[in-house]
N, C-alpha and C. Protein backbone atom coordinates (compact mmCIF):
# COMPACT_ATOMS: atom_id res chain seq x y z
N MET A 1 0.85 -1.18 0.00
CA MET A 1 0.00 0.00 0.00
C MET A 1 0.90 1.25 0.00
N PRO A 2 0.61 2.21 -0.87
CA PRO A 2 1.42 3.44 -0.92
C PRO A 2 1.36 4.19 0.41
N PRO A 3 2.42 4.94 0.73
CA PRO A 3 2.44 5.68 2.00
C PRO A 3 1.42 6.81 2.01
N ARG A 4 1.04 7.19 3.22
CA ARG A 4 0.14 8.33 3.40
C ARG A 4 0.90 9.62 3.13
N LEU A 5 0.20 10.59 2.59
CA LEU A 5 0.80 11.90 2.38
C LEU A 5 0.67 12.70 3.68
N THR A 6 1.75 13.35 4.07
CA THR A 6 1.76 14.16 5.28
C THR A 6 1.66 15.64 4.89
N ARG A 7 1.50 16.49 5.88
CA ARG A 7 1.45 17.92 5.62
C ARG A 7 2.73 18.41 4.95
N LYS A 8 3.84 17.77 5.26
CA LYS A 8 5.13 18.16 4.67
C LYS A 8 5.10 18.03 3.14
N PHE A 9 4.36 17.06 2.61
CA PHE A 9 4.22 16.87 1.16
C PHE A 9 3.71 18.15 0.50
N PHE A 10 2.84 18.88 1.19
CA PHE A 10 2.21 20.07 0.63
C PHE A 10 3.03 21.35 0.83
N ASP A 11 4.12 21.25 1.58
CA ASP A 11 4.94 22.42 1.88
C ASP A 11 5.94 22.69 0.75
N ARG A 12 5.38 22.78 -0.46
CA ARG A 12 6.14 23.04 -1.68
C ARG A 12 5.26 23.85 -2.62
N SER A 13 5.83 24.25 -3.72
CA SER A 13 5.08 25.02 -4.71
C SER A 13 3.88 24.23 -5.23
N VAL A 14 2.78 24.95 -5.47
CA VAL A 14 1.60 24.30 -6.06
C VAL A 14 1.94 23.68 -7.41
N HIS A 15 2.93 24.24 -8.08
CA HIS A 15 3.31 23.73 -9.41
C HIS A 15 4.06 22.40 -9.32
N GLU A 16 4.64 22.10 -8.17
CA GLU A 16 5.26 20.79 -7.94
C GLU A 16 4.22 19.79 -7.43
N VAL A 17 3.41 20.24 -6.48
CA VAL A 17 2.45 19.34 -5.82
C VAL A 17 1.31 18.93 -6.75
N ALA A 18 0.75 19.87 -7.51
CA ALA A 18 -0.44 19.59 -8.32
C ALA A 18 -0.27 18.37 -9.22
N PRO A 19 0.78 18.29 -10.06
CA PRO A 19 0.89 17.10 -10.91
C PRO A 19 1.15 15.82 -10.12
N GLU A 20 1.77 15.95 -8.95
CA GLU A 20 2.05 14.77 -8.13
C GLU A 20 0.79 14.23 -7.44
N LEU A 21 -0.28 15.02 -7.41
CA LEU A 21 -1.54 14.54 -6.84
C LEU A 21 -2.30 13.67 -7.83
N ILE A 22 -2.00 13.80 -9.12
CA ILE A 22 -2.69 12.96 -10.11
C ILE A 22 -2.27 11.50 -9.89
N GLY A 23 -3.26 10.66 -9.64
CA GLY A 23 -3.00 9.25 -9.35
C GLY A 23 -2.90 8.94 -7.88
N ALA A 24 -2.84 9.99 -7.02
CA ALA A 24 -2.87 9.77 -5.58
C ALA A 24 -4.31 9.41 -5.17
N THR A 25 -4.46 8.85 -4.00
CA THR A 25 -5.78 8.46 -3.50
C THR A 25 -6.27 9.46 -2.46
N LEU A 26 -7.50 9.94 -2.65
CA LEU A 26 -8.17 10.81 -1.69
C LEU A 26 -9.37 10.07 -1.14
N LEU A 27 -9.37 9.85 0.18
CA LEU A 27 -10.53 9.29 0.86
C LEU A 27 -10.99 10.29 1.90
N PHE A 28 -12.29 10.40 2.04
CA PHE A 28 -12.90 11.26 3.04
C PHE A 28 -13.95 10.42 3.76
N ASN A 29 -13.70 10.14 5.03
CA ASN A 29 -14.56 9.23 5.79
C ASN A 29 -14.75 7.91 5.04
N GLY A 30 -13.70 7.44 4.40
CA GLY A 30 -13.70 6.14 3.72
C GLY A 30 -14.26 6.13 2.31
N ALA A 31 -14.70 7.28 1.81
CA ALA A 31 -15.24 7.35 0.44
C ALA A 31 -14.29 8.18 -0.42
N GLY A 32 -14.12 7.77 -1.66
CA GLY A 32 -13.28 8.53 -2.59
C GLY A 32 -12.63 7.64 -3.61
N GLY A 33 -11.43 8.00 -4.02
CA GLY A 33 -10.73 7.24 -5.04
C GLY A 33 -9.50 7.97 -5.54
N LEU A 34 -9.15 7.68 -6.79
CA LEU A 34 -7.95 8.26 -7.40
C LEU A 34 -8.21 9.68 -7.88
N ILE A 35 -7.32 10.58 -7.52
CA ILE A 35 -7.42 11.96 -8.00
C ILE A 35 -7.03 11.96 -9.47
N VAL A 36 -7.93 12.44 -10.34
CA VAL A 36 -7.67 12.43 -11.78
C VAL A 36 -7.60 13.83 -12.38
N GLU A 37 -7.93 14.88 -11.59
CA GLU A 37 -7.90 16.24 -12.14
C GLU A 37 -7.78 17.25 -11.01
N VAL A 38 -6.86 18.21 -11.19
CA VAL A 38 -6.66 19.28 -10.23
C VAL A 38 -6.33 20.58 -10.98
N GLU A 39 -6.43 21.70 -10.25
CA GLU A 39 -6.00 22.99 -10.77
C GLU A 39 -5.17 23.69 -9.72
N ALA A 40 -4.06 24.30 -10.15
CA ALA A 40 -3.18 25.04 -9.24
C ALA A 40 -3.55 26.51 -9.22
N TYR A 41 -3.51 27.11 -8.03
CA TYR A 41 -3.77 28.54 -7.84
C TYR A 41 -2.66 29.11 -6.96
N HIS A 42 -1.75 29.84 -7.58
CA HIS A 42 -0.60 30.45 -6.90
C HIS A 42 -1.00 31.82 -6.38
N HIS A 43 -0.40 32.27 -5.30
CA HIS A 43 -0.79 33.55 -4.69
C HIS A 43 -0.54 34.76 -5.60
N THR A 44 0.30 34.62 -6.62
CA THR A 44 0.53 35.71 -7.57
C THR A 44 -0.46 35.68 -8.73
N ASP A 45 -1.35 34.73 -8.72
CA ASP A 45 -2.31 34.47 -9.79
C ASP A 45 -3.59 35.28 -9.56
N PRO A 46 -3.99 36.14 -10.51
CA PRO A 46 -5.20 36.94 -10.31
C PRO A 46 -6.48 36.12 -10.14
N ALA A 47 -6.46 34.84 -10.49
CA ALA A 47 -7.64 33.99 -10.31
C ALA A 47 -7.67 33.34 -8.92
N ALA A 48 -6.59 33.43 -8.16
CA ALA A 48 -6.54 32.83 -6.83
C ALA A 48 -7.38 33.64 -5.85
N HIS A 49 -8.08 32.96 -4.95
CA HIS A 49 -8.90 33.64 -3.94
C HIS A 49 -8.04 34.51 -3.03
N SER A 50 -6.76 34.22 -2.92
CA SER A 50 -5.86 34.95 -2.03
C SER A 50 -5.21 36.16 -2.69
N TYR A 51 -5.42 36.35 -3.97
CA TYR A 51 -4.69 37.37 -4.73
C TYR A 51 -4.85 38.78 -4.14
N ARG A 52 -6.02 39.12 -3.68
CA ARG A 52 -6.28 40.48 -3.16
C ARG A 52 -6.08 40.58 -1.64
N GLY A 53 -5.56 39.52 -1.03
CA GLY A 53 -5.29 39.56 0.40
C GLY A 53 -6.20 38.67 1.21
N GLN A 54 -5.92 38.62 2.48
CA GLN A 54 -6.64 37.74 3.39
C GLN A 54 -8.01 38.30 3.76
N THR A 55 -9.00 37.39 3.77
CA THR A 55 -10.36 37.68 4.20
C THR A 55 -10.80 36.55 5.12
N PRO A 56 -11.92 36.70 5.82
CA PRO A 56 -12.40 35.57 6.62
C PRO A 56 -12.62 34.31 5.77
N ARG A 57 -13.07 34.47 4.53
CA ARG A 57 -13.35 33.32 3.65
C ARG A 57 -12.07 32.55 3.31
N ASN A 58 -10.97 33.25 2.98
CA ASN A 58 -9.78 32.58 2.48
C ASN A 58 -8.65 32.45 3.51
N ALA A 59 -8.92 32.75 4.77
CA ALA A 59 -7.88 32.79 5.80
C ALA A 59 -7.06 31.49 5.89
N VAL A 60 -7.68 30.35 5.64
CA VAL A 60 -6.97 29.07 5.71
C VAL A 60 -5.81 29.04 4.70
N MET A 61 -5.98 29.70 3.57
CA MET A 61 -4.93 29.71 2.55
C MET A 61 -3.66 30.40 3.04
N PHE A 62 -3.77 31.28 4.03
CA PHE A 62 -2.63 32.02 4.55
C PHE A 62 -1.93 31.30 5.69
N GLY A 63 -2.47 30.16 6.09
CA GLY A 63 -1.87 29.37 7.16
C GLY A 63 -0.87 28.37 6.63
N PRO A 64 -0.52 27.40 7.44
CA PRO A 64 0.46 26.40 7.00
C PRO A 64 -0.10 25.48 5.91
N ALA A 65 0.82 24.86 5.21
CA ALA A 65 0.47 23.90 4.15
C ALA A 65 -0.13 22.63 4.76
N GLY A 66 -0.91 21.92 3.93
CA GLY A 66 -1.45 20.63 4.34
C GLY A 66 -2.79 20.70 5.04
N PHE A 67 -3.54 21.77 4.77
CA PHE A 67 -4.88 21.91 5.34
C PHE A 67 -5.90 22.08 4.22
N ALA A 68 -7.15 21.78 4.52
CA ALA A 68 -8.24 21.91 3.55
C ALA A 68 -8.78 23.32 3.55
N TYR A 69 -8.94 23.88 2.36
CA TYR A 69 -9.62 25.16 2.18
C TYR A 69 -10.91 24.83 1.44
N VAL A 70 -12.05 25.01 2.12
CA VAL A 70 -13.36 24.69 1.54
C VAL A 70 -14.13 25.99 1.40
N TYR A 71 -14.72 26.19 0.23
CA TYR A 71 -15.53 27.39 -0.01
C TYR A 71 -16.73 27.02 -0.87
N ARG A 72 -17.70 27.92 -0.88
CA ARG A 72 -18.90 27.71 -1.69
C ARG A 72 -18.71 28.42 -3.02
N SER A 73 -18.99 27.72 -4.10
CA SER A 73 -18.84 28.25 -5.46
C SER A 73 -20.21 28.62 -6.00
N TYR A 74 -20.33 29.85 -6.48
CA TYR A 74 -21.58 30.36 -7.05
C TYR A 74 -22.76 30.23 -6.09
N GLY A 75 -22.47 30.17 -4.79
CA GLY A 75 -23.53 30.06 -3.79
C GLY A 75 -24.25 28.72 -3.79
N ILE A 76 -23.69 27.73 -4.50
CA ILE A 76 -24.37 26.45 -4.67
C ILE A 76 -23.55 25.26 -4.18
N HIS A 77 -22.33 25.12 -4.70
CA HIS A 77 -21.51 23.92 -4.49
C HIS A 77 -20.33 24.19 -3.57
N TRP A 78 -20.00 23.22 -2.72
CA TRP A 78 -18.77 23.28 -1.95
C TRP A 78 -17.63 22.82 -2.84
N CYS A 79 -16.46 23.39 -2.65
CA CYS A 79 -15.25 22.99 -3.37
C CYS A 79 -14.13 22.82 -2.34
N VAL A 80 -13.28 21.81 -2.54
CA VAL A 80 -12.18 21.57 -1.61
C VAL A 80 -10.85 21.80 -2.31
N ASN A 81 -9.97 22.50 -1.61
CA ASN A 81 -8.63 22.81 -2.08
C ASN A 81 -7.64 22.33 -1.03
N PHE A 82 -6.42 22.03 -1.47
CA PHE A 82 -5.35 21.65 -0.56
C PHE A 82 -4.35 22.80 -0.51
N VAL A 83 -4.14 23.37 0.67
CA VAL A 83 -3.23 24.51 0.83
C VAL A 83 -1.79 24.01 0.69
N CYS A 84 -1.01 24.77 -0.09
CA CYS A 84 0.39 24.42 -0.36
C CYS A 84 1.32 25.57 -0.01
N GLU A 85 2.59 25.27 -0.04
CA GLU A 85 3.70 26.21 0.15
C GLU A 85 3.79 26.64 1.60
N GLU A 86 4.79 27.42 1.89
CA GLU A 86 5.04 27.85 3.27
C GLU A 86 3.92 28.73 3.78
N ALA A 87 3.79 28.78 5.09
CA ALA A 87 2.73 29.59 5.72
C ALA A 87 2.78 31.02 5.21
N GLY A 88 1.62 31.55 4.88
CA GLY A 88 1.52 32.92 4.41
C GLY A 88 1.57 33.08 2.91
N SER A 89 1.97 32.05 2.18
CA SER A 89 2.06 32.19 0.72
C SER A 89 0.70 32.14 0.05
N ALA A 90 -0.28 31.52 0.69
CA ALA A 90 -1.67 31.54 0.24
C ALA A 90 -1.88 30.95 -1.15
N SER A 91 -1.33 29.78 -1.39
CA SER A 91 -1.51 29.05 -2.64
C SER A 91 -2.25 27.75 -2.33
N ALA A 92 -3.04 27.27 -3.30
CA ALA A 92 -3.82 26.06 -3.07
C ALA A 92 -4.12 25.33 -4.37
N ILE A 93 -4.51 24.08 -4.23
CA ILE A 93 -4.85 23.23 -5.38
C ILE A 93 -6.30 22.81 -5.25
N LEU A 94 -7.10 23.17 -6.26
CA LEU A 94 -8.49 22.75 -6.31
C LEU A 94 -8.56 21.31 -6.79
N ILE A 95 -9.26 20.47 -6.05
CA ILE A 95 -9.45 19.08 -6.46
C ILE A 95 -10.70 19.07 -7.34
N ARG A 96 -10.50 18.81 -8.64
CA ARG A 96 -11.59 18.90 -9.62
C ARG A 96 -12.31 17.58 -9.85
N ALA A 97 -11.59 16.46 -9.81
CA ALA A 97 -12.26 15.19 -10.12
C ALA A 97 -11.51 14.00 -9.51
N VAL A 98 -12.29 13.00 -9.15
CA VAL A 98 -11.79 11.76 -8.57
C VAL A 98 -12.46 10.59 -9.28
N GLU A 99 -11.70 9.55 -9.54
CA GLU A 99 -12.28 8.29 -10.03
C GLU A 99 -12.73 7.49 -8.81
N PRO A 100 -14.04 7.36 -8.59
CA PRO A 100 -14.52 6.72 -7.36
C PRO A 100 -14.18 5.24 -7.31
N THR A 101 -13.57 4.84 -6.18
CA THR A 101 -13.21 3.42 -5.99
C THR A 101 -13.63 2.88 -4.63
N GLU A 102 -13.83 3.76 -3.65
CA GLU A 102 -14.18 3.35 -2.29
C GLU A 102 -15.44 4.08 -1.84
N GLY A 103 -16.31 3.38 -1.10
CA GLY A 103 -17.50 4.01 -0.56
C GLY A 103 -18.52 4.40 -1.62
N LEU A 104 -18.60 3.61 -2.68
CA LEU A 104 -19.50 3.93 -3.79
C LEU A 104 -20.97 4.02 -3.36
N ALA A 105 -21.41 3.15 -2.47
CA ALA A 105 -22.81 3.18 -2.04
C ALA A 105 -23.14 4.51 -1.36
N ALA A 106 -22.25 4.99 -0.49
CA ALA A 106 -22.48 6.26 0.19
C ALA A 106 -22.47 7.42 -0.80
N MET A 107 -21.54 7.38 -1.76
CA MET A 107 -21.49 8.46 -2.76
C MET A 107 -22.73 8.46 -3.64
N ARG A 108 -23.20 7.28 -4.03
CA ARG A 108 -24.42 7.19 -4.85
C ARG A 108 -25.63 7.71 -4.07
N ARG A 109 -25.68 7.41 -2.80
CA ARG A 109 -26.80 7.88 -1.96
C ARG A 109 -26.76 9.42 -1.86
N ARG A 110 -25.59 9.98 -1.61
CA ARG A 110 -25.49 11.45 -1.48
C ARG A 110 -25.80 12.16 -2.79
N ARG A 111 -25.37 11.60 -3.90
CA ARG A 111 -25.57 12.25 -5.21
C ARG A 111 -26.88 11.84 -5.86
N GLY A 112 -27.47 10.72 -5.45
CA GLY A 112 -28.72 10.26 -6.04
C GLY A 112 -28.54 9.78 -7.46
N LEU A 113 -27.35 9.29 -7.77
CA LEU A 113 -27.03 8.83 -9.13
C LEU A 113 -26.37 7.46 -9.08
N PRO A 114 -26.70 6.58 -10.02
CA PRO A 114 -26.10 5.25 -10.01
C PRO A 114 -24.75 5.16 -10.74
N GLU A 115 -24.54 5.98 -11.76
CA GLU A 115 -23.36 5.86 -12.62
C GLU A 115 -22.12 6.44 -11.94
N ALA A 116 -21.08 5.63 -11.80
CA ALA A 116 -19.84 6.06 -11.15
C ALA A 116 -19.24 7.29 -11.82
N ARG A 117 -19.35 7.40 -13.13
CA ARG A 117 -18.79 8.52 -13.88
C ARG A 117 -19.37 9.86 -13.43
N ASP A 118 -20.61 9.86 -12.95
CA ASP A 118 -21.29 11.09 -12.56
C ASP A 118 -21.08 11.50 -11.10
N LEU A 119 -20.40 10.67 -10.33
CA LEU A 119 -20.30 10.93 -8.90
C LEU A 119 -19.33 12.06 -8.54
N CYS A 120 -18.14 12.05 -9.11
CA CYS A 120 -17.06 12.96 -8.68
C CYS A 120 -16.38 13.67 -9.83
N SER A 121 -17.08 13.86 -10.97
CA SER A 121 -16.47 14.46 -12.16
C SER A 121 -16.70 15.97 -12.20
N GLY A 122 -16.27 16.63 -11.15
CA GLY A 122 -16.36 18.08 -11.01
C GLY A 122 -16.21 18.42 -9.55
N PRO A 123 -15.68 19.61 -9.23
CA PRO A 123 -15.40 19.93 -7.82
C PRO A 123 -16.63 19.95 -6.93
N GLY A 124 -17.76 20.45 -7.42
CA GLY A 124 -18.98 20.45 -6.62
C GLY A 124 -19.55 19.06 -6.45
N LYS A 125 -19.55 18.29 -7.52
CA LYS A 125 -20.03 16.90 -7.46
C LYS A 125 -19.19 16.09 -6.48
N LEU A 126 -17.88 16.30 -6.55
CA LEU A 126 -16.95 15.56 -5.70
C LEU A 126 -17.25 15.83 -4.22
N CYS A 127 -17.41 17.11 -3.86
CA CYS A 127 -17.70 17.43 -2.46
C CYS A 127 -19.04 16.89 -2.01
N GLU A 128 -20.04 16.94 -2.87
CA GLU A 128 -21.35 16.38 -2.52
C GLU A 128 -21.23 14.87 -2.31
N ALA A 129 -20.55 14.19 -3.21
CA ALA A 129 -20.40 12.73 -3.12
C ALA A 129 -19.64 12.32 -1.86
N LEU A 130 -18.60 13.08 -1.51
CA LEU A 130 -17.78 12.73 -0.34
C LEU A 130 -18.38 13.24 0.97
N GLY A 131 -19.26 14.24 0.89
CA GLY A 131 -19.83 14.82 2.09
C GLY A 131 -19.00 15.95 2.66
N VAL A 132 -18.16 16.59 1.84
CA VAL A 132 -17.32 17.71 2.29
C VAL A 132 -18.16 18.98 2.29
N THR A 133 -18.12 19.71 3.42
CA THR A 133 -18.85 20.98 3.56
C THR A 133 -17.95 22.00 4.25
N ILE A 134 -18.48 23.18 4.49
CA ILE A 134 -17.73 24.25 5.14
C ILE A 134 -17.24 23.83 6.52
N LYS A 135 -17.90 22.90 7.18
CA LYS A 135 -17.44 22.49 8.51
C LYS A 135 -16.10 21.76 8.46
N HIS A 136 -15.64 21.41 7.25
CA HIS A 136 -14.35 20.74 7.09
C HIS A 136 -13.24 21.71 6.70
N ASN A 137 -13.61 22.98 6.54
CA ASN A 137 -12.62 24.01 6.22
C ASN A 137 -11.59 24.10 7.35
N GLY A 138 -10.32 24.11 7.00
CA GLY A 138 -9.26 24.24 7.98
C GLY A 138 -8.79 22.96 8.62
N LEU A 139 -9.37 21.82 8.22
CA LEU A 139 -8.93 20.54 8.80
C LEU A 139 -7.61 20.09 8.18
N PRO A 140 -6.76 19.41 8.96
CA PRO A 140 -5.51 18.89 8.41
C PRO A 140 -5.78 17.75 7.44
N LEU A 141 -4.99 17.70 6.38
CA LEU A 141 -5.17 16.69 5.34
C LEU A 141 -4.57 15.33 5.71
N ASP A 142 -3.78 15.28 6.78
CA ASP A 142 -3.14 14.02 7.16
C ASP A 142 -3.79 13.37 8.39
N ARG A 143 -5.04 13.77 8.67
CA ARG A 143 -5.78 13.16 9.77
C ARG A 143 -7.22 12.95 9.34
N PRO A 144 -7.92 11.99 9.96
CA PRO A 144 -9.33 11.79 9.64
C PRO A 144 -10.11 13.08 9.85
N PRO A 145 -11.10 13.34 9.01
CA PRO A 145 -11.75 12.43 8.07
C PRO A 145 -11.01 12.27 6.74
N PHE A 146 -9.90 13.02 6.53
CA PHE A 146 -9.13 12.88 5.29
C PHE A 146 -8.14 11.73 5.40
N GLU A 147 -7.92 11.07 4.28
CA GLU A 147 -6.83 10.11 4.14
C GLU A 147 -6.31 10.28 2.72
N LEU A 148 -5.04 10.60 2.61
CA LEU A 148 -4.40 10.78 1.31
C LEU A 148 -3.23 9.83 1.21
N ARG A 149 -3.19 9.11 0.09
CA ARG A 149 -2.10 8.17 -0.15
C ARG A 149 -1.37 8.54 -1.44
N ALA A 150 -0.06 8.41 -1.41
CA ALA A 150 0.77 8.70 -2.58
C ALA A 150 0.38 7.78 -3.73
N ARG A 151 0.62 8.23 -4.92
CA ARG A 151 0.34 7.38 -6.08
C ARG A 151 1.34 6.23 -6.11
N ALA A 152 0.89 5.10 -6.67
CA ALA A 152 1.74 3.91 -6.74
C ALA A 152 2.78 4.03 -7.84
N ALA A 153 2.46 4.74 -8.91
CA ALA A 153 3.38 4.92 -10.04
C ALA A 153 3.08 6.27 -10.68
N ALA A 154 4.04 6.79 -11.43
CA ALA A 154 3.84 8.08 -12.11
C ALA A 154 2.97 7.86 -13.35
N PRO A 155 1.77 8.44 -13.37
CA PRO A 155 0.88 8.26 -14.52
C PRO A 155 1.22 9.24 -15.64
N GLU A 156 0.60 9.05 -16.78
CA GLU A 156 0.74 10.00 -17.88
C GLU A 156 -0.22 11.16 -17.61
N ILE A 157 0.33 12.36 -17.55
CA ILE A 157 -0.45 13.54 -17.17
C ILE A 157 -0.59 14.48 -18.35
N VAL A 158 -1.78 15.07 -18.48
CA VAL A 158 -2.03 16.10 -19.49
C VAL A 158 -2.22 17.42 -18.77
N THR A 159 -1.92 18.52 -19.45
CA THR A 159 -2.09 19.84 -18.87
C THR A 159 -2.89 20.71 -19.82
N GLY A 160 -3.48 21.75 -19.27
CA GLY A 160 -4.25 22.67 -20.08
C GLY A 160 -4.72 23.84 -19.26
N PRO A 161 -5.48 24.75 -19.88
CA PRO A 161 -6.00 25.91 -19.15
C PRO A 161 -7.05 25.49 -18.13
N ARG A 162 -7.16 26.30 -17.09
CA ARG A 162 -8.15 26.02 -16.05
C ARG A 162 -9.55 26.32 -16.57
N ILE A 163 -10.54 25.85 -15.82
CA ILE A 163 -11.94 25.90 -16.27
C ILE A 163 -12.74 26.86 -15.39
N GLY A 164 -13.69 27.57 -16.01
CA GLY A 164 -14.66 28.35 -15.27
C GLY A 164 -14.14 29.63 -14.63
N ILE A 165 -13.03 30.15 -15.12
CA ILE A 165 -12.50 31.41 -14.59
C ILE A 165 -12.32 32.39 -15.74
N THR A 166 -12.25 33.66 -15.41
CA THR A 166 -12.05 34.68 -16.45
C THR A 166 -10.67 35.32 -16.35
N LYS A 167 -10.10 35.40 -15.14
CA LYS A 167 -8.77 35.98 -14.96
C LYS A 167 -7.72 34.88 -15.11
N ALA A 168 -6.66 35.17 -15.84
CA ALA A 168 -5.56 34.22 -16.04
C ALA A 168 -6.06 32.87 -16.55
N ALA A 169 -7.11 32.91 -17.34
CA ALA A 169 -7.74 31.69 -17.84
C ALA A 169 -6.83 30.89 -18.77
N ASP A 170 -5.82 31.51 -19.32
CA ASP A 170 -4.94 30.82 -20.26
C ASP A 170 -3.78 30.09 -19.57
N TYR A 171 -3.61 30.27 -18.27
CA TYR A 171 -2.51 29.59 -17.57
C TYR A 171 -2.72 28.08 -17.68
N PRO A 172 -1.70 27.33 -18.07
CA PRO A 172 -1.85 25.87 -18.21
C PRO A 172 -1.66 25.15 -16.87
N TRP A 173 -2.45 25.52 -15.90
CA TRP A 173 -2.30 25.02 -14.53
C TRP A 173 -3.38 24.02 -14.15
N ARG A 174 -3.99 23.40 -15.14
CA ARG A 174 -4.92 22.30 -14.91
C ARG A 174 -4.19 21.02 -15.29
N PHE A 175 -4.25 20.03 -14.41
CA PHE A 175 -3.54 18.77 -14.62
C PHE A 175 -4.54 17.63 -14.55
N GLY A 176 -4.39 16.64 -15.45
CA GLY A 176 -5.32 15.52 -15.45
C GLY A 176 -4.66 14.22 -15.84
N LEU A 177 -5.31 13.14 -15.51
CA LEU A 177 -4.87 11.80 -15.87
C LEU A 177 -5.26 11.54 -17.31
N LYS A 178 -4.28 11.35 -18.16
CA LYS A 178 -4.54 11.16 -19.59
C LYS A 178 -5.49 9.98 -19.80
N GLY A 179 -6.53 10.22 -20.60
CA GLY A 179 -7.48 9.17 -20.98
C GLY A 179 -8.53 8.84 -19.94
N SER A 180 -8.54 9.51 -18.79
CA SER A 180 -9.53 9.19 -17.76
C SER A 180 -10.92 9.61 -18.21
N ARG A 181 -11.89 8.74 -17.99
CA ARG A 181 -13.28 9.06 -18.31
C ARG A 181 -13.97 9.76 -17.14
N PHE A 182 -13.21 10.01 -16.05
CA PHE A 182 -13.78 10.62 -14.86
C PHE A 182 -13.44 12.11 -14.73
N LEU A 183 -12.81 12.70 -15.76
CA LEU A 183 -12.48 14.12 -15.74
C LEU A 183 -13.76 14.95 -15.75
N SER A 184 -13.68 16.16 -15.23
CA SER A 184 -14.85 17.06 -15.29
C SER A 184 -15.11 17.53 -16.71
N LYS A 185 -14.04 17.67 -17.47
CA LYS A 185 -14.12 18.10 -18.86
C LYS A 185 -12.88 17.60 -19.58
N ALA A 186 -13.03 17.15 -20.79
CA ALA A 186 -11.89 16.62 -21.55
C ALA A 186 -10.86 17.73 -21.80
N PHE A 187 -9.60 17.34 -21.87
CA PHE A 187 -8.53 18.27 -22.22
C PHE A 187 -8.49 18.40 -23.73
N ARG A 188 -8.12 19.58 -24.23
CA ARG A 188 -7.99 19.79 -25.68
C ARG A 188 -6.71 19.18 -26.18
């Protein structure tokens, strides 16, 4: 079994950590699977929530690496990010999609859908399927309810522009598992 990821794993640049999360395992209260898509948000990036400074909403991003930053997107969906880099740098990685492998019954019940492809193929879907909400904001990623395991082997990764943003939309900071049918959106 691959080793668990510790907070120290996240104490590096989002540009190093993001591609290394592809193929890693994310479990939340025993439900989840392989991470197949992420997006990096660096503190110098105008699309990052931290770009204009610290607020009550994004305060977790300014703390130490290895914690969950959870926020509501468009007032509808929860999204989970993994805080990276040294304390105060305010960079994070949005977890966009997971290939569900564990806790499928619970995820199907939460999402009300039978097809595995529809459970975690987007950041809002993923949080709904796993049961991640604002009450998990600021929790350490190396303790329950989170369990993160390193990938067993280096997969083939594709990169491209991030999705659903208008600022710095051309940055190729979206990373995905090549050929995965569980991506939120296909890469060009």
